Protein backbone atom coordinates (compact mmCIF):
# COMPACT_ATOMS: atom_id res chain seq x y z
CA UNK A 1 90.66 96.06 135.77
CA UNK A 2 89.93 97.56 132.39
CA UNK A 3 88.92 95.64 129.28
CA UNK A 4 87.97 97.20 125.97
CA UNK A 5 85.11 94.68 125.64
CA UNK A 6 83.17 96.77 128.19
CA UNK A 7 81.87 98.93 125.32
CA UNK A 8 79.94 95.96 123.97
CA UNK A 9 79.02 94.51 127.38
CA UNK A 10 77.62 97.79 128.66
CA UNK A 11 75.39 98.36 125.64
CA UNK A 12 74.25 94.71 125.66
CA UNK A 13 73.27 95.13 129.31
CA UNK A 14 71.50 98.48 128.84
CA UNK A 15 69.84 98.06 125.43
CA UNK A 16 69.84 94.28 124.74
CA UNK A 17 67.14 94.48 122.06
CA UNK A 18 68.55 97.48 120.18
CA UNK A 19 69.92 96.64 116.71
CA UNK A 20 73.71 96.64 116.87
CA UNK A 21 74.44 95.38 113.36
CA UNK A 22 72.67 95.48 110.02
CA UNK A 23 74.19 93.34 107.28
CA UNK A 24 72.34 92.48 104.08
CA UNK A 25 69.13 90.88 105.39
CA UNK A 26 70.35 90.45 108.97
CA UNK A 27 69.49 92.73 111.91
CA UNK A 28 71.34 91.60 115.02
CA UNK A 29 70.58 92.98 118.49
CA UNK A 30 73.31 93.84 121.02
CA UNK A 31 72.35 90.80 123.13
CA UNK A 32 73.16 88.47 120.23
CA UNK A 33 76.53 90.06 119.42
CA UNK A 34 77.40 89.74 123.13
CA UNK A 35 76.30 86.09 123.31
CA UNK A 36 78.33 85.03 120.26
CA UNK A 37 81.38 86.98 121.53
CA UNK A 38 81.03 85.06 124.82
CA UNK A 39 80.95 81.76 122.93
CA UNK A 40 84.10 82.76 121.02
CA UNK A 41 85.80 83.57 124.35
CA UNK A 42 84.76 80.16 125.74
CA UNK A 43 86.12 78.48 122.59
CA UNK A 44 89.50 80.21 122.93
CA UNK A 45 89.83 79.26 126.59
CA UNK A 46 88.84 75.66 125.74
CA UNK A 47 91.67 75.58 123.16
CA UNK A 48 94.23 76.89 125.62
CA UNK A 49 94.30 80.49 124.43
CA UNK A 50 94.25 82.98 127.27
CA UNK A 51 95.55 86.15 128.82
CA UNK A 52 98.32 87.80 126.84
CA UNK A 53 98.10 85.39 123.89
CA UNK A 54 97.80 86.90 120.41
CA UNK A 55 94.95 85.97 118.07
CA UNK A 56 94.88 87.14 114.44
CA UNK A 57 91.71 88.03 112.56
CA UNK A 58 91.36 88.31 108.77
CA UNK A 59 87.84 89.50 108.11
CA UNK A 60 86.04 92.12 106.02
CA UNK A 61 83.11 94.20 107.34
CA UNK A 62 80.74 91.34 108.11
CA UNK A 63 79.21 90.41 111.51
CA UNK A 64 82.02 87.93 112.25
CA UNK A 65 84.38 90.85 112.83
CA UNK A 66 82.80 92.17 116.06
CA UNK A 67 81.87 88.63 117.20
CA UNK A 68 85.50 87.51 117.11
CA UNK A 69 87.14 90.84 118.03
CA UNK A 70 85.23 91.14 121.31
CA UNK A 71 85.48 87.40 122.00
CA UNK A 72 89.29 87.63 121.82
CA UNK A 73 89.29 90.65 124.18
CA UNK A 74 86.96 88.93 126.66
CA UNK A 75 89.36 85.98 126.83
CA UNK A 76 92.08 88.43 127.90
CA UNK A 77 93.93 87.87 124.64
CA UNK A 78 95.22 90.45 122.15
CA UNK A 79 93.54 91.03 118.77
CA UNK A 80 95.82 91.18 115.71
CA UNK A 81 93.59 92.42 112.85
CA UNK A 82 95.04 91.72 109.40
CA UNK A 83 94.38 93.52 106.13
CA UNK A 84 92.05 91.32 104.04
CA UNK A 85 94.13 91.95 100.91
CA UNK A 86 97.30 90.29 102.22
CA UNK A 87 98.78 87.39 100.26
CA UNK A 88 99.75 84.07 101.92
CA UNK A 89 103.42 85.08 102.27
CA UNK A 90 102.41 88.32 104.01
CA UNK A 91 99.94 86.54 106.32
CA UNK A 92 102.66 84.10 107.43
CA UNK A 93 104.94 87.06 108.20
CA UNK A 94 102.29 88.75 110.39
CA UNK A 95 101.46 85.53 112.25
CA UNK A 96 105.14 84.87 112.98
CA UNK A 97 105.97 88.45 113.86
CA UNK A 98 103.05 88.82 116.30
CA UNK A 99 103.51 85.34 117.86
CA UNK A 100 99.85 84.63 117.05
CA UNK A 101 98.52 81.39 118.57
CA UNK A 102 95.35 81.33 116.46
CA UNK A 103 93.93 82.77 113.24
CA UNK A 104 90.26 83.38 112.48
CA UNK A 105 89.96 83.78 108.72
CA UNK A 106 87.02 84.65 106.48
CA UNK A 107 86.53 82.28 103.53
CA UNK A 108 86.35 85.09 101.03
CA UNK A 109 85.25 84.89 97.42
CA UNK A 110 86.63 83.71 94.09
CA UNK A 111 87.97 87.24 93.47
CA UNK A 112 89.41 87.55 96.97
CA UNK A 113 90.31 84.05 98.22
CA UNK A 114 91.05 84.97 101.85
CA UNK A 115 90.41 81.44 103.08
CA UNK A 116 92.94 79.87 100.74
CA UNK A 117 95.56 82.54 101.41
CA UNK A 118 94.90 82.37 105.15
CA UNK A 119 95.27 78.58 105.18
CA UNK A 120 98.57 78.76 103.25
CA UNK A 121 99.83 81.55 105.48
CA UNK A 122 98.84 79.61 108.62
CA UNK A 123 100.64 76.48 107.36
CA UNK A 124 103.78 78.49 106.63
CA UNK A 125 103.81 80.15 110.07
CA UNK A 126 105.79 78.48 112.82
CA UNK A 127 103.96 78.93 116.10
CA UNK A 128 100.33 79.41 115.10
CA UNK A 129 98.35 76.46 116.50
CA UNK A 130 94.69 77.03 115.62
CA UNK A 131 92.95 77.94 112.37
CA UNK A 132 89.23 78.76 112.39
CA UNK A 133 87.33 79.43 109.17
CA UNK A 134 84.61 82.08 109.10
CA UNK A 135 82.42 80.60 106.34
CA UNK A 136 80.92 82.84 103.65
CA UNK A 137 77.68 80.82 103.84
CA UNK A 138 75.93 81.83 107.09
CA UNK A 139 76.10 79.14 109.82
CA UNK A 140 77.88 76.62 107.56
CA UNK A 141 79.57 74.00 109.74
CA UNK A 142 82.01 72.79 107.11
CA UNK A 143 84.65 74.46 104.99
CA UNK A 144 87.24 73.16 102.57
CA UNK A 145 89.87 75.28 104.36
CA UNK A 146 89.53 73.84 107.85
CA UNK A 147 87.43 73.93 110.99
CA UNK A 148 84.35 76.15 110.68
CA UNK A 149 83.78 78.54 113.58
CA UNK A 150 80.18 77.28 113.82
CA UNK A 151 81.29 73.69 114.31
CA UNK A 152 83.89 74.88 116.86
CA UNK A 153 81.32 76.97 118.77
CA UNK A 154 78.91 74.03 119.05
CA UNK A 155 78.29 73.38 122.74
CA UNK A 156 80.07 76.57 123.88
CA UNK A 157 78.15 78.53 126.52
CA UNK A 158 76.72 81.97 125.79
CA UNK A 159 77.89 83.35 129.14
CA UNK A 160 81.49 84.23 129.95
CA UNK A 161 83.18 86.03 132.79
CA UNK A 162 85.50 88.52 131.08
CA UNK A 163 89.14 87.98 132.01
CA UNK A 164 90.49 90.82 134.13
CA UNK A 165 93.04 92.86 132.24
CA UNK A 166 95.00 95.90 133.41
CA UNK A 167 94.69 99.28 131.64
CA UNK A 168 98.23 98.91 130.27
CA UNK A 169 97.77 95.35 128.98
CA UNK A 170 97.83 95.12 125.17
CA UNK A 171 94.35 94.97 123.62
CA UNK A 172 95.24 95.26 119.95
CA UNK A 173 98.34 95.04 117.78
CA UNK A 174 97.81 97.10 114.63
CA UNK A 175 100.28 96.51 111.84
CA UNK A 176 101.70 99.53 110.13
CA UNK A 177 104.43 99.42 107.52
CA UNK A 178 107.39 101.39 108.71
CA UNK A 179 109.67 103.16 106.31
CA UNK A 180 111.99 100.21 106.83
CA UNK A 181 109.77 98.14 104.57
CA UNK A 182 108.67 95.35 106.90
CA UNK A 183 105.36 95.99 108.69
CA UNK A 184 105.62 96.61 112.46
CA UNK A 185 102.97 95.91 115.09
CA UNK A 186 101.90 98.95 117.14
CA UNK A 187 100.90 97.72 120.61
CA UNK A 188 97.82 99.53 121.82
CA UNK A 189 96.61 99.03 125.38
CA UNK A 190 93.04 98.65 126.62
CA UNK A 191 93.37 102.18 127.97
CA UNK A 192 94.68 103.57 124.64
CA UNK A 193 91.76 102.10 122.70
CA UNK A 194 89.02 102.74 125.26
CA UNK A 195 90.03 106.37 125.86
CA UNK A 196 90.17 107.02 122.13
CA UNK A 197 86.65 105.63 121.68
CA UNK A 198 85.36 107.59 124.67
CA UNK A 199 86.89 110.90 123.58
CA UNK A 200 85.65 110.33 120.00
CA UNK A 201 82.17 109.62 121.37
CA UNK A 202 82.13 112.77 123.53
CA UNK A 203 83.38 114.85 120.60
CA UNK A 204 80.37 114.13 118.38
CA UNK A 205 76.84 115.04 119.49
CA UNK A 206 74.46 112.09 119.63
CA UNK A 207 71.44 112.10 117.36
CA UNK A 208 68.14 111.96 119.31
CA UNK A 209 66.70 108.51 118.69
CA UNK A 210 70.14 107.02 118.10
CA UNK A 211 72.92 107.05 115.54
CA UNK A 212 73.15 104.87 112.46
CA UNK A 213 76.66 104.44 111.10
CA UNK A 214 77.63 103.46 107.59
CA UNK A 215 80.46 101.07 108.46
CA UNK A 216 82.33 101.01 105.16
CA UNK A 217 85.80 101.89 106.46
CA UNK A 218 87.60 98.57 107.01
CA UNK A 219 87.23 97.50 110.63
CA UNK A 220 90.72 95.94 110.52
CA UNK A 221 92.07 99.49 110.11
CA UNK A 222 92.42 101.80 113.13
CA UNK A 223 90.03 104.48 111.79
CA UNK A 224 87.15 102.05 111.23
CA UNK A 225 87.88 100.13 114.41
CA UNK A 226 87.88 103.09 116.80
CA UNK A 227 85.69 105.73 115.17
CA UNK A 228 83.06 103.39 113.73
CA UNK A 229 82.88 100.10 115.67
CA UNK A 230 84.12 101.01 119.15
CA UNK A 231 82.61 104.49 119.28
CA UNK A 232 79.40 103.25 117.64
CA UNK A 233 79.00 100.41 120.14
CA UNK A 234 79.79 102.70 123.06
CA UNK A 235 76.98 105.06 122.09
CA UNK A 236 74.55 102.19 121.48
CA UNK A 237 74.42 102.98 117.78
CA UNK A 238 73.55 100.76 114.84
CA UNK A 239 76.35 99.75 112.47
CA UNK A 240 75.29 99.15 108.87
CA UNK A 241 78.12 96.97 107.57
CA UNK A 242 79.38 97.36 104.02
CA UNK A 243 82.29 95.04 103.06
CA UNK A 244 83.15 96.91 99.90
CA UNK A 245 82.59 100.53 98.97
CA UNK A 246 80.45 101.09 95.90
CA UNK A 247 79.02 104.62 95.60
CA UNK A 248 75.54 103.68 94.30
CA UNK A 249 75.07 101.00 96.91
CA UNK A 250 76.38 103.30 99.66
CA UNK A 251 73.88 106.03 98.73
CA UNK A 252 71.09 103.46 98.71
CA UNK A 253 72.05 102.27 102.21
CA UNK A 254 72.32 105.84 103.52
CA UNK A 255 68.75 106.48 102.35
CA UNK A 256 67.28 103.13 103.35
CA UNK A 257 68.86 102.85 106.78
CA UNK A 258 68.62 106.53 107.66
CA UNK A 259 72.37 106.83 108.14
CA UNK A 260 73.24 109.77 110.44
CA UNK A 261 77.01 109.28 110.77
CA UNK A 262 79.36 108.82 107.82
CA UNK A 263 83.07 108.34 108.55
CA UNK A 264 85.02 107.91 105.30
CA UNK A 265 88.25 108.50 103.45
CA UNK A 266 88.50 111.16 100.72
CA UNK A 267 88.07 108.75 97.80
CA UNK A 268 84.71 107.62 99.25
CA UNK A 269 83.37 111.17 99.58
CA UNK A 270 84.62 111.82 96.04
CA UNK A 271 82.86 108.67 94.79
CA UNK A 272 79.52 109.61 96.38
CA UNK A 273 79.63 113.10 94.89
CA UNK A 274 80.62 111.84 91.44
CA UNK A 275 77.70 109.39 91.49
CA UNK A 276 75.14 112.00 92.63
CA UNK A 277 76.28 114.51 90.00
CA UNK A 278 76.32 111.88 87.24
CA UNK A 279 72.75 110.84 88.02
CA UNK A 280 71.45 114.30 88.83
CA UNK A 281 69.80 112.72 91.87
CA UNK A 282 69.14 114.50 95.17
CA UNK A 283 71.52 113.73 98.03
CA UNK A 284 70.21 111.75 101.03
CA UNK A 285 69.02 114.03 103.83
CA UNK A 286 69.54 111.86 106.94
CA UNK A 287 73.25 112.62 107.47
CA UNK A 288 74.03 114.65 110.59
CA UNK A 289 77.80 114.17 110.64
CA UNK A 290 80.50 113.37 108.10
CA UNK A 291 84.00 112.66 109.33
CA UNK A 292 87.09 112.48 107.13
CA UNK A 293 90.52 111.01 107.74
CA UNK A 294 93.07 108.66 106.23
CA UNK A 295 94.44 111.31 103.85
CA UNK A 296 93.98 115.02 103.24
CA UNK A 297 90.69 115.96 101.62
CA UNK A 298 90.92 118.24 98.61
CA UNK A 299 89.24 121.54 99.54
CA UNK A 300 87.15 121.27 96.34
CA UNK A 301 85.63 118.03 97.61
CA UNK A 302 84.88 119.64 101.00
CA UNK A 303 83.06 122.53 99.32
CA UNK A 304 81.15 120.27 96.95
CA UNK A 305 80.08 117.96 99.79
CA UNK A 306 78.79 120.83 101.89
CA UNK A 307 76.81 122.23 98.95
CA UNK A 308 75.44 118.81 97.98
CA UNK A 309 74.68 117.27 101.39
CA UNK A 310 74.10 120.43 103.41
CA UNK A 311 76.67 119.47 106.06
CA UNK A 312 80.41 119.93 106.18
CA UNK A 313 83.00 117.18 106.56
CA UNK A 314 84.93 117.37 109.82
CA UNK A 315 88.54 116.40 109.20
CA UNK A 316 90.72 114.69 111.74
CA UNK A 317 94.17 113.18 111.93
CA UNK A 318 95.86 110.27 113.56
CA UNK A 319 97.88 107.14 112.98
CA UNK A 320 97.72 103.51 114.03
CA UNK A 321 100.30 104.37 116.69
CA UNK A 322 97.88 106.89 118.25
CA UNK A 323 94.81 104.62 118.50
CA UNK A 324 94.27 106.53 116.00
CA UNK A 325 92.60 109.91 116.67
CA UNK A 326 95.01 112.71 117.65
CA UNK A 327 93.44 115.93 116.35
CA UNK A 328 90.12 117.03 114.95
CA UNK A 329 88.09 119.91 113.61
CA UNK A 330 85.86 119.86 116.66
CA UNK A 331 82.28 121.03 116.91
CA UNK A 332 81.87 124.20 118.93
CA UNK A 333 84.99 125.64 117.31
CA UNK A 334 85.27 127.08 113.82
CA UNK A 335 86.00 124.43 111.21
CA UNK A 336 88.96 125.28 109.02
CA UNK A 337 88.82 123.36 105.74
CA UNK A 338 92.18 121.97 104.72
CA UNK A 339 93.36 121.63 108.34
CA UNK A 340 93.37 118.65 110.71
CA UNK A 341 92.00 120.82 113.51
CA UNK A 342 93.32 120.94 117.06
CA UNK A 343 94.44 118.16 119.46
CA UNK A 344 91.62 116.13 121.02
CA UNK A 345 90.96 116.14 124.79
CA UNK A 346 93.90 114.78 126.78
CA UNK A 347 96.36 114.92 123.88
CA UNK A 348 99.19 117.36 123.16
CA UNK A 349 100.76 118.09 119.81
CA UNK A 350 103.81 120.10 118.85
CA UNK A 351 106.15 120.64 115.93
CA UNK A 352 109.74 119.39 116.21
CA UNK A 353 112.86 119.33 114.07
CA UNK A 354 114.91 116.24 113.29
CA UNK A 355 116.67 116.50 116.69
CA UNK A 356 113.41 116.68 118.67
CA UNK A 357 113.91 120.41 119.23
CA UNK A 358 110.53 122.14 119.61
CA UNK A 359 109.66 124.54 116.81
CA UNK A 360 107.73 127.60 117.97
CA UNK A 361 105.47 129.65 115.74
CA UNK A 362 103.87 128.31 112.61
CA UNK A 363 106.63 125.96 111.48
CA UNK A 364 106.83 123.90 109.32
CA UNK A 365 107.96 121.02 111.48
CA UNK A 366 107.29 117.35 112.12
CA UNK A 367 104.22 116.63 114.23
CA UNK A 368 104.95 115.00 117.61
CA UNK A 369 102.13 113.70 119.83
CA UNK A 370 101.84 112.87 123.53
CA UNK A 371 98.81 111.63 125.47
CA UNK A 372 96.57 108.72 126.44
CA UNK A 373 96.41 107.62 122.79
CA UNK A 374 100.12 106.90 122.20
CA UNK A 375 101.05 103.24 121.74
CA UNK A 376 103.19 101.26 124.18
CA UNK A 377 105.68 100.67 121.36
CA UNK A 378 106.27 98.37 118.41
CA UNK A 379 105.89 94.72 119.35
CA UNK A 380 109.32 93.12 119.92
CA UNK A 381 111.09 96.04 118.24
CA UNK A 382 112.84 98.17 120.87
CA UNK A 383 115.09 99.94 118.34
CA UNK A 384 112.18 100.90 116.09
CA UNK A 385 110.27 102.13 119.15
CA UNK A 386 113.23 104.16 120.35
CA UNK A 387 113.59 105.74 116.91
CA UNK A 388 110.14 107.35 117.10
CA UNK A 389 109.49 107.80 120.83
CA UNK A 390 111.03 110.19 123.32
CA UNK A 391 109.79 111.07 126.82
CA UNK A 392 106.20 109.98 126.03
CA UNK A 393 106.17 111.83 122.69
CA UNK A 394 105.94 110.04 119.36
CA UNK A 395 107.13 111.61 116.12
CA UNK A 396 104.77 111.02 113.23
CA UNK A 397 106.82 111.56 110.10
CA UNK A 398 104.24 114.13 108.95
CA UNK A 399 105.33 117.69 108.25
CA UNK A 400 102.82 120.39 109.18
CA UNK A 401 102.29 124.06 109.91
CA UNK A 402 100.25 125.50 112.79
CA UNK A 403 98.27 128.74 112.68
CA UNK A 404 97.77 131.31 115.45
CA UNK A 405 94.61 129.49 116.64
CA UNK A 406 96.50 126.21 117.09
CA UNK A 407 95.08 124.47 113.99
CA UNK A 408 97.51 122.13 112.26
CA UNK A 409 97.71 121.63 108.49
CA UNK A 410 99.75 118.84 106.92
CA UNK A 411 101.93 119.98 104.06
CA UNK A 412 103.92 116.88 103.29
CA UNK A 413 104.77 113.44 104.52
CA UNK A 414 108.34 113.03 105.48
CA UNK A 415 109.81 109.96 103.87
CA UNK A 416 108.14 108.89 100.67
CA UNK A 417 105.02 107.14 101.83
CA UNK A 418 102.24 106.86 99.25
CA UNK A 419 98.59 107.06 100.32
CA UNK A 420 96.51 105.15 97.81
CA UNK A 421 92.77 105.21 98.45
CA UNK A 422 93.37 105.80 102.16
CA UNK A 423 95.85 102.91 102.51
CA UNK A 424 99.47 103.56 103.34
CA UNK A 425 101.88 102.13 100.79
CA UNK A 426 105.57 102.15 101.60
CA UNK A 427 107.78 102.32 98.50
CA UNK A 428 110.70 100.56 100.15
CA UNK A 429 108.63 97.42 100.81
CA UNK A 430 107.46 97.33 97.17
CA UNK A 431 111.01 97.93 95.91
CA UNK A 432 112.33 95.07 97.99
CA UNK A 433 109.72 92.66 96.61
CA UNK A 434 110.28 93.86 93.02
CA UNK A 435 113.98 93.21 93.36
CA UNK A 436 113.31 89.56 94.18
CA UNK A 437 112.24 89.17 90.52
CA UNK A 438 115.14 87.79 88.46
CA UNK A 439 114.58 90.30 85.64
CA UNK A 440 114.75 93.34 87.95
CA UNK A 441 118.10 94.94 88.62
CA UNK A 442 116.95 98.10 90.41
CA UNK A 443 113.59 99.62 91.27
CA UNK A 444 112.32 102.95 92.54
CA UNK A 445 108.69 103.31 93.57
CA UNK A 446 106.87 106.64 93.80
CA UNK A 447 103.33 107.92 94.15
CA UNK A 448 101.92 109.83 91.20
CA UNK A 449 98.71 111.90 91.39
CA UNK A 450 95.48 110.02 90.67
CA UNK A 451 92.07 111.68 90.54
CA UNK A 452 90.11 109.14 92.56
CA UNK A 453 92.73 107.25 94.63
CA UNK A 454 94.71 110.36 95.57
CA UNK A 455 97.90 108.65 94.50
CA UNK A 456 98.78 105.69 92.30
CA UNK A 457 101.80 103.45 92.75
CA UNK A 458 104.37 103.64 89.95
CA UNK A 459 107.60 101.68 89.68
CA UNK A 460 110.64 102.74 87.65
CA UNK A 461 112.68 99.65 86.86
CA UNK A 462 116.13 99.00 85.48
CA UNK A 463 116.19 95.49 84.03
CA UNK A 464 118.95 92.92 84.56
CA UNK A 465 121.21 92.44 81.55
CA UNK A 466 119.62 90.16 78.97
CA UNK A 467 116.28 90.01 80.77
CA UNK A 468 113.20 89.66 78.58
CA UNK A 469 109.96 90.73 80.26
CA UNK A 470 107.39 93.36 79.32
CA UNK A 471 106.16 96.12 81.59
CA UNK A 472 102.68 94.54 81.62
CA UNK A 473 104.07 91.13 82.58
CA UNK A 474 105.89 92.67 85.52
CA UNK A 475 102.70 94.43 86.68
CA UNK A 476 100.92 91.07 86.55
CA UNK A 477 103.67 89.44 88.61
CA UNK A 478 103.39 92.22 91.20
CA UNK A 479 99.62 91.71 91.33
CA UNK A 480 100.12 88.04 92.22
CA UNK A 481 102.84 88.76 94.77
CA UNK A 482 101.48 91.73 96.71
CA UNK A 483 98.26 92.89 98.33
CA UNK A 484 95.87 94.56 95.91
CA UNK A 485 96.21 98.03 97.42
CA UNK A 486 99.98 98.17 97.13
CA UNK A 487 101.17 96.61 93.90
CA UNK A 488 102.34 99.08 91.22
CA UNK A 489 99.72 99.60 88.50
CA UNK A 490 102.31 101.31 86.28
CA UNK A 491 105.82 100.08 85.50
CA UNK A 492 108.25 102.08 83.40
CA UNK A 493 111.55 100.59 82.25
CA UNK A 494 114.54 102.92 82.34
CA UNK A 495 118.22 102.59 81.47
CA UNK A 496 119.18 104.61 84.52
CA UNK A 497 117.73 106.45 87.52
CA UNK A 498 118.61 109.95 88.77
CA UNK A 499 120.92 109.68 91.78
CA UNK A 500 122.85 111.74 94.27
CA UNK A 501 126.63 111.47 94.57
CA UNK A 502 126.21 108.91 97.34
CA UNK A 503 124.02 106.73 95.10
CA UNK A 504 120.70 107.66 96.65
CA UNK A 505 117.86 107.67 94.13
CA UNK A 506 116.37 111.13 93.67
CA UNK A 507 112.67 110.29 93.84
CA UNK A 508 111.53 113.88 93.56
CA UNK A 509 112.89 113.87 89.98
CA UNK A 510 110.84 110.76 89.15
CA UNK A 511 107.53 112.21 90.31
């Protein structure tokens, strides 16, 4: 018996009155998070959702996320967290692909109408039976999009006996776009997720008096889920939820809530520094630990952060398929800026060539990982799983070197993946959508350098004969068709694209 929900249950049992979540004016103790999660579990069982069923969750960093996440786990079901920026068409795809039986969806706002998109996606999906709305107005029992969770939870008991799950049962399916364009679901077991949280917890010293996390990394993403929520709950910390990163507001929260632990992506660190320098204000002094991941941090930002905040940023590395943490600049060892550190406890890393042959010495080579953190495989995709896994090892698609001390440094991403603001954007997926537009004959998408997002998405387009559309109009169409983090902000029309003899587009010439 092993269920990831133990990290909440244990803390609720040991420190029931300790504040688990701070959100706007709310301060919720562990006992309350546990009680609502139990009610969600009772609701699912009452609606016929149980062990092994998949339940999707579209929700930003608000208290509903942990309520529902742990409720799904307690019921023995599998959580399928969805990116809050997905459009209706993309939501339907994820629901169908994961065989989700239910969707919990946040209502959203006028700017980000998650409820409307979720409802349309749910209606377009074949096998999804239940749709629960997480209303934007606290405790609202009605919603224009469907059944409110509060109405559904009415009469549900606050106690629940957690369903027994085995260590290898699937706890979470995290969607990651493969280079094939369509997103694939990485199946992560209770053991994968729990071990990753435990090792992450052991890796960072606890602050006497408790740790306060700024939870601004999206919890639907593996980094936020494991390193912030699961690790934070395991160590009985307090999560200060922030649905949307805004540097001024983040600095205010760090000061006001005495934040000790800041996990973030490079663009967030960059934003905080830019804000502090622009205002000439002093940096908050409560931070004990800053952890970076999601993309490589420019060494200039690392130096600036250390000078400004008085602490360094510890960089790590991982992917959804590895739960996610695989390597880290660990305390007790020298930190090497610009590297992703050494493998975490219980995990091995090596460099391989395209035939899985091990590369000795410093490389370069593709990083391969083996250990307790490696996924079971891609859900219902044996061929895709076989393409990346071999004898317990998974190849990452990231090209790195390794120094004599065993520290890895990423030099390039194999394939052409773009990392925009910490989100992975796969050009092939964007190209395929672009080519559904009647005016588009051919498209090539690349990442171009951007000072705050790291990379920006740019599309080179050859128009169909006789087509009349402007570059701006096509950008607008993309904006309405794709999630906000992936649509191309720049479109350039061309008469031709550079190609190899076999007709392969030479993207390196477009960058």
